[in-house]
Amino acid sequence: TRMHEVIITPDAKITILVVQNAKD
């Protein structure tokens, strides 16, 4: 979005969800 970026990386055992500032 204009304010945030969500990156989700799943694998067979765990999933990592990261919310980061997306202001460029």
PDB file of all heavy atoms in Angstrom:
ATOM      1  N   THR A   1       0.872  -1.172   0.000  1.00  0.00           N
ATOM      2  CA  THR A   1       0.000   0.000   0.000  1.00  0.00           C
ATOM      3  C   THR A   1       0.907   1.218   0.000  1.00  0.00           C
ATOM      4  O   THR A   1       2.137   1.088  -0.028  1.00  0.00           O
ATOM      5  CB  THR A   1      -0.909   0.024   1.250  1.00  0.00           C
ATOM      6  OG1 THR A   1      -0.099   0.241   2.405  1.00  0.00           O
ATOM      7  CG2 THR A   1      -1.694  -1.272   1.378  1.00  0.00           C
ATOM      8  N   ARG A   2       0.336   2.397   0.087  1.00  0.00           N
ATOM      9  CA  ARG A   2       1.175   3.596   0.124  1.00  0.00           C
ATOM     10  C   ARG A   2       2.004   3.666   1.400  1.00  0.00           C
ATOM     11  O   ARG A   2       3.082   4.236   1.417  1.00  0.00           O
ATOM     12  CB  ARG A   2       0.310   4.851   0.013  1.00  0.00           C
ATOM     13  CG  ARG A   2      -0.221   5.044  -1.394  1.00  0.00           C
ATOM     14  CD  ARG A   2      -1.009   6.314  -1.552  1.00  0.00           C
ATOM     15  NE  ARG A   2      -0.176   7.479  -1.272  1.00  0.00           N
ATOM     16  CZ  ARG A   2      -0.646   8.598  -0.753  1.00  0.00           C
ATOM     17  NH1 ARG A   2      -1.913   8.715  -0.441  1.00  0.00           N
ATOM     18  NH2 ARG A   2       0.159   9.618  -0.548  1.00  0.00           N
ATOM     19  N   MET A   3       1.507   3.098   2.480  1.00  0.00           N
ATOM     20  CA  MET A   3       2.175   3.224   3.772  1.00  0.00           C
ATOM     21  C   MET A   3       2.957   1.974   4.197  1.00  0.00           C
ATOM     22  O   MET A   3       3.943   2.085   4.912  1.00  0.00           O
ATOM     23  CB  MET A   3       1.149   3.548   4.861  1.00  0.00           C
ATOM     24  CG  MET A   3       0.394   4.841   4.631  1.00  0.00           C
ATOM     25  SD  MET A   3       1.466   6.275   4.717  1.00  0.00           S
ATOM     26  CE  MET A   3       1.737   6.346   6.460  1.00  0.00           C
ATOM     27  N   HIS A   4       2.479   0.798   3.817  1.00  0.00           N
ATOM     28  CA  HIS A   4       3.079  -0.439   4.303  1.00  0.00           C
ATOM     29  C   HIS A   4       3.251  -1.455   3.180  1.00  0.00           C
ATOM     30  O   HIS A   4       2.580  -1.388   2.159  1.00  0.00           O
ATOM     31  CB  HIS A   4       2.214  -1.075   5.400  1.00  0.00           C
ATOM     32  CG  HIS A   4       2.152  -0.258   6.630  1.00  0.00           C
ATOM     33  ND1 HIS A   4       1.110   0.612   6.881  1.00  0.00           N
ATOM     34  CD2 HIS A   4       3.001  -0.146   7.667  1.00  0.00           C
ATOM     35  CE1 HIS A   4       1.320   1.208   8.033  1.00  0.00           C
ATOM     36  NE2 HIS A   4       2.468   0.778   8.534  1.00  0.00           N
ATOM     37  N   GLU A   5       4.120  -2.397   3.460  1.00  0.00           N
ATOM     38  CA  GLU A   5       4.309  -3.540   2.587  1.00  0.00           C
ATOM     39  C   GLU A   5       4.309  -4.781   3.476  1.00  0.00           C
ATOM     40  O   GLU A   5       4.937  -4.781   4.529  1.00  0.00           O
ATOM     41  CB  GLU A   5       5.651  -3.407   1.865  1.00  0.00           C
ATOM     42  CG  GLU A   5       5.941  -4.530   0.925  1.00  0.00           C
ATOM     43  CD  GLU A   5       7.199  -4.256   0.126  1.00  0.00           C
ATOM     44  OE1 GLU A   5       8.245  -4.005   0.740  1.00  0.00           O
ATOM     45  OE2 GLU A   5       7.111  -4.313  -1.103  1.00  0.00           O
ATOM     46  N   VAL A   6       3.568  -5.793   3.059  1.00  0.00           N
ATOM     47  CA  VAL A   6       3.522  -7.048   3.790  1.00  0.00           C
ATOM     48  C   VAL A   6       4.156  -8.111   2.903  1.00  0.00           C
ATOM     49  O   VAL A   6       3.775  -8.273   1.744  1.00  0.00           O
ATOM     50  CB  VAL A   6       2.068  -7.453   4.145  1.00  0.00           C
ATOM     51  CG1 VAL A   6       2.045  -8.787   4.856  1.00  0.00           C
ATOM     52  CG2 VAL A   6       1.406  -6.377   4.985  1.00  0.00           C
ATOM     53  N   ILE A   7       5.138  -8.795   3.455  1.00  0.00           N
ATOM     54  CA  ILE A   7       5.820  -9.866   2.732  1.00  0.00           C
ATOM     55  C   ILE A   7       5.596 -11.153   3.508  1.00  0.00           C
ATOM     56  O   ILE A   7       5.851 -11.220   4.714  1.00  0.00           O
ATOM     57  CB  ILE A   7       7.326  -9.580   2.593  1.00  0.00           C
ATOM     58  CG1 ILE A   7       7.522  -8.269   1.836  1.00  0.00           C
ATOM     59  CG2 ILE A   7       8.035 -10.738   1.893  1.00  0.00           C
ATOM     60  CD1 ILE A   7       8.946  -7.782   1.827  1.00  0.00           C
ATOM     61  N   ILE A   8       5.093 -12.164   2.809  1.00  0.00           N
ATOM     62  CA  ILE A   8       4.780 -13.451   3.437  1.00  0.00           C
ATOM     63  C   ILE A   8       5.591 -14.520   2.720  1.00  0.00           C
ATOM     64  O   ILE A   8       5.527 -14.642   1.496  1.00  0.00           O
ATOM     65  CB  ILE A   8       3.279 -13.758   3.339  1.00  0.00           C
ATOM     66  CG1 ILE A   8       2.479 -12.640   4.004  1.00  0.00           C
ATOM     67  CG2 ILE A   8       2.968 -15.109   3.961  1.00  0.00           C
ATOM     68  CD1 ILE A   8       0.995 -12.698   3.711  1.00  0.00           C
ATOM     69  N   THR A   9       6.361 -15.293   3.500  1.00  0.00           N
ATOM     70  CA  THR A   9       7.176 -16.360   2.925  1.00  0.00           C
ATOM     71  C   THR A   9       6.891 -17.671   3.652  1.00  0.00           C
ATOM     72  O   THR A   9       7.413 -17.908   4.730  1.00  0.00           O
ATOM     73  CB  THR A   9       8.677 -16.027   3.015  1.00  0.00           C
ATOM     74  OG1 THR A   9       8.995 -15.753   4.370  1.00  0.00           O
ATOM     75  CG2 THR A   9       9.044 -14.851   2.162  1.00  0.00           C
ATOM     76  N   PRO A  10       6.042 -18.502   3.066  1.00  0.00           N
ATOM     77  CA  PRO A  10       5.753 -19.798   3.684  1.00  0.00           C
ATOM     78  C   PRO A  10       6.733 -20.864   3.229  1.00  0.00           C
ATOM     79  O   PRO A  10       7.295 -20.786   2.135  1.00  0.00           O
ATOM     80  CB  PRO A  10       4.347 -20.113   3.166  1.00  0.00           C
ATOM     81  CG  PRO A  10       4.295 -19.449   1.832  1.00  0.00           C
ATOM     82  CD  PRO A  10       5.190 -18.222   1.928  1.00  0.00           C
ATOM     83  N   ASP A  11       6.969 -21.845   4.093  1.00  0.00           N
ATOM     84  CA  ASP A  11       7.648 -23.065   3.674  1.00  0.00           C
ATOM     85  C   ASP A  11       6.939 -24.222   4.357  1.00  0.00           C
ATOM     86  O   ASP A  11       5.868 -24.051   4.922  1.00  0.00           O
ATOM     87  CB  ASP A  11       9.164 -23.013   3.902  1.00  0.00           C
ATOM     88  CG  ASP A  11       9.588 -23.118   5.359  1.00  0.00           C
ATOM     89  OD1 ASP A  11       8.767 -23.466   6.221  1.00  0.00           O
ATOM     90  OD2 ASP A  11      10.770 -22.863   5.637  1.00  0.00           O
ATOM     91  N   ALA A  12       7.522 -25.385   4.314  1.00  0.00           N
ATOM     92  CA  ALA A  12       6.835 -26.575   4.831  1.00  0.00           C
ATOM     93  C   ALA A  12       6.657 -26.553   6.342  1.00  0.00           C
ATOM     94  O   ALA A  12       5.756 -27.194   6.865  1.00  0.00           O
ATOM     95  CB  ALA A  12       7.590 -27.833   4.419  1.00  0.00           C
ATOM     96  N   LYS A  13       7.492 -25.821   7.066  1.00  0.00           N
ATOM     97  CA  LYS A  13       7.444 -25.853   8.535  1.00  0.00           C
ATOM     98  C   LYS A  13       6.973 -24.557   9.168  1.00  0.00           C
ATOM     99  O   LYS A  13       6.243 -24.587  10.147  1.00  0.00           O
ATOM    100  CB  LYS A  13       8.835 -26.180   9.089  1.00  0.00           C
ATOM    101  CG  LYS A  13       9.381 -27.498   8.624  1.00  0.00           C
ATOM    102  CD  LYS A  13       9.001 -28.577   9.557  1.00  0.00           C
ATOM    103  CE  LYS A  13       9.643 -29.873   9.078  1.00  0.00           C
ATOM    104  NZ  LYS A  13       9.635 -30.898  10.020  1.00  0.00           N
ATOM    105  N   ILE A  14       7.438 -23.417   8.651  1.00  0.00           N
ATOM    106  CA  ILE A  14       7.057 -22.129   9.244  1.00  0.00           C
ATOM    107  C   ILE A  14       6.670 -21.143   8.151  1.00  0.00           C
ATOM    108  O   ILE A  14       6.992 -21.344   6.977  1.00  0.00           O
ATOM    109  CB  ILE A  14       8.192 -21.506  10.094  1.00  0.00           C
ATOM    110  CG1 ILE A  14       9.403 -21.160   9.236  1.00  0.00           C
ATOM    111  CG2 ILE A  14       8.549 -22.395  11.279  1.00  0.00           C
ATOM    112  CD1 ILE A  14      10.468 -20.348   9.944  1.00  0.00           C
ATOM    113  N   THR A  15       5.971 -20.093   8.553  1.00  0.00           N
ATOM    114  CA  THR A  15       5.642 -18.984   7.663  1.00  0.00           C
ATOM    115  C   THR A  15       6.080 -17.702   8.350  1.00  0.00           C
ATOM    116  O   THR A  15       5.805 -17.514   9.531  1.00  0.00           O
ATOM    117  CB  THR A  15       4.129 -18.942   7.369  1.00  0.00           C
ATOM    118  OG1 THR A  15       3.768 -20.121   6.675  1.00  0.00           O
ATOM    119  CG2 THR A  15       3.764 -17.731   6.533  1.00  0.00           C
ATOM    120  N   ILE A  16       6.743 -16.847   7.610  1.00  0.00           N
ATOM    121  CA  ILE A  16       7.193 -15.571   8.143  1.00  0.00           C
ATOM    122  C   ILE A  16       6.379 -14.471   7.470  1.00  0.00           C
ATOM    123  O   ILE A  16       6.316 -14.400   6.244  1.00  0.00           O
ATOM    124  CB  ILE A  16       8.691 -15.354   7.878  1.00  0.00           C
ATOM    125  CG1 ILE A  16       9.499 -16.515   8.446  1.00  0.00           C
ATOM    126  CG2 ILE A  16       9.149 -14.016   8.454  1.00  0.00           C
ATOM    127  CD1 ILE A  16      10.922 -16.569   7.974  1.00  0.00           C
ATOM    128  N   LEU A  17       5.755 -13.635   8.282  1.00  0.00           N
ATOM    129  CA  LEU A  17       4.990 -12.490   7.808  1.00  0.00           C
ATOM    130  C   LEU A  17       5.691 -11.242   8.335  1.00  0.00           C
ATOM    131  O   LEU A  17       5.909 -11.112   9.538  1.00  0.00           O
ATOM    132  CB  LEU A  17       3.550 -12.571   8.323  1.00  0.00           C
ATOM    133  CG  LEU A  17       2.599 -11.490   7.853  1.00  0.00           C
ATOM    134  CD1 LEU A  17       1.200 -12.072   7.714  1.00  0.00           C
ATOM    135  CD2 LEU A  17       2.561 -10.308   8.790  1.00  0.00           C
ATOM    136  N   VAL A  18       6.066 -10.342   7.431  1.00  0.00           N
ATOM    137  CA  VAL A  18       6.779  -9.117   7.796  1.00  0.00           C
ATOM    138  C   VAL A  18       5.967  -7.920   7.322  1.00  0.00           C
ATOM    139  O   VAL A  18       5.539  -7.873   6.170  1.00  0.00           O
ATOM    140  CB  VAL A  18       8.177  -9.072   7.143  1.00  0.00           C
ATOM    141  CG1 VAL A  18       8.893  -7.779   7.463  1.00  0.00           C
ATOM    142  CG2 VAL A  18       9.006 -10.269   7.557  1.00  0.00           C
ATOM    143  N   VAL A  19       5.750  -6.965   8.222  1.00  0.00           N
ATOM    144  CA  VAL A  19       5.126  -5.693   7.868  1.00  0.00           C
ATOM    145  C   VAL A  19       6.232  -4.655   7.918  1.00  0.00           C
ATOM    146  O   VAL A  19       6.932  -4.536   8.931  1.00  0.00           O
ATOM    147  CB  VAL A  19       4.000  -5.311   8.849  1.00  0.00           C
ATOM    148  CG1 VAL A  19       3.394  -3.960   8.472  1.00  0.00           C
ATOM    149  CG2 VAL A  19       2.924  -6.393   8.889  1.00  0.00           C
ATOM    150  N   GLN A  20       6.409  -3.933   6.814  1.00  0.00           N
ATOM    151  CA  GLN A  20       7.452  -2.923   6.806  1.00  0.00           C
ATOM    152  C   GLN A  20       6.935  -1.610   6.245  1.00  0.00           C
ATOM    153  O   GLN A  20       5.926  -1.579   5.543  1.00  0.00           O
ATOM    154  CB  GLN A  20       8.679  -3.404   6.050  1.00  0.00           C
ATOM    155  CG  GLN A  20       8.462  -3.724   4.604  1.00  0.00           C
ATOM    156  CD  GLN A  20       9.702  -4.334   3.977  1.00  0.00           C
ATOM    157  OE1 GLN A  20      10.637  -4.736   4.646  1.00  0.00           O
ATOM    158  NE2 GLN A  20       9.715  -4.411   2.669  1.00  0.00           N
ATOM    159  N   ASN A  21       7.661  -0.561   6.560  1.00  0.00           N
ATOM    160  CA  ASN A  21       7.344   0.770   6.078  1.00  0.00           C
ATOM    161  C   ASN A  21       7.628   0.796   4.583  1.00  0.00           C
ATOM    162  O   ASN A  21       8.706   0.406   4.154  1.00  0.00           O
ATOM    163  CB  ASN A  21       8.216   1.785   6.822  1.00  0.00           C
ATOM    164  CG  ASN A  21       7.891   3.200   6.450  1.00  0.00           C
ATOM    165  OD1 ASN A  21       7.523   3.500   5.336  1.00  0.00           O
ATOM    166  ND2 ASN A  21       8.045   4.087   7.407  1.00  0.00           N
ATOM    167  N   ALA A  22       6.672   1.271   3.794  1.00  0.00           N
ATOM    168  CA  ALA A  22       6.842   1.271   2.341  1.00  0.00           C
ATOM    169  C   ALA A  22       6.962   2.674   1.773  1.00  0.00           C
ATOM    170  O   ALA A  22       6.855   2.863   0.568  1.00  0.00           O
ATOM    171  CB  ALA A  22       5.666   0.551   1.684  1.00  0.00           C
ATOM    172  N   LYS A  23       7.173   3.646   2.620  1.00  0.00           N
ATOM    173  CA  LYS A  23       7.312   5.013   2.104  1.00  0.00           C
ATOM    174  C   LYS A  23       8.631   5.150   1.362  1.00  0.00           C
ATOM    175  O   LYS A  23       9.694   4.940   1.918  1.00  0.00           O
ATOM    176  CB  LYS A  23       7.257   6.027   3.238  1.00  0.00           C
ATOM    177  CG  LYS A  23       5.870   6.283   3.734  1.00  0.00           C
ATOM    178  CD  LYS A  23       5.864   7.528   4.575  1.00  0.00           C
ATOM    179  CE  LYS A  23       4.433   7.936   4.827  1.00  0.00           C
ATOM    180  NZ  LYS A  23       4.365   9.222   5.515  1.00  0.00           N
ATOM    181  N   ASP A  24       8.540   5.471   0.101  1.00  0.00           N
ATOM    182  CA  ASP A  24       9.715   5.685  -0.739  1.00  0.00           C
ATOM    183  C   ASP A  24       9.762   7.149  -1.142  1.00  0.00           C
ATOM    184  O   ASP A  24       8.723   7.772  -1.368  1.00  0.00           O
ATOM    185  CB  ASP A  24       9.647   4.832  -2.015  1.00  0.00           C
ATOM    186  CG  ASP A  24       9.781   3.358  -1.734  1.00  0.00           C
ATOM    187  OD1 ASP A  24      10.563   2.997  -0.834  1.00  0.00           O
ATOM    188  OD2 ASP A  24       9.104   2.573  -2.407  1.00  0.00           O
TER     189      ASP A  24
END
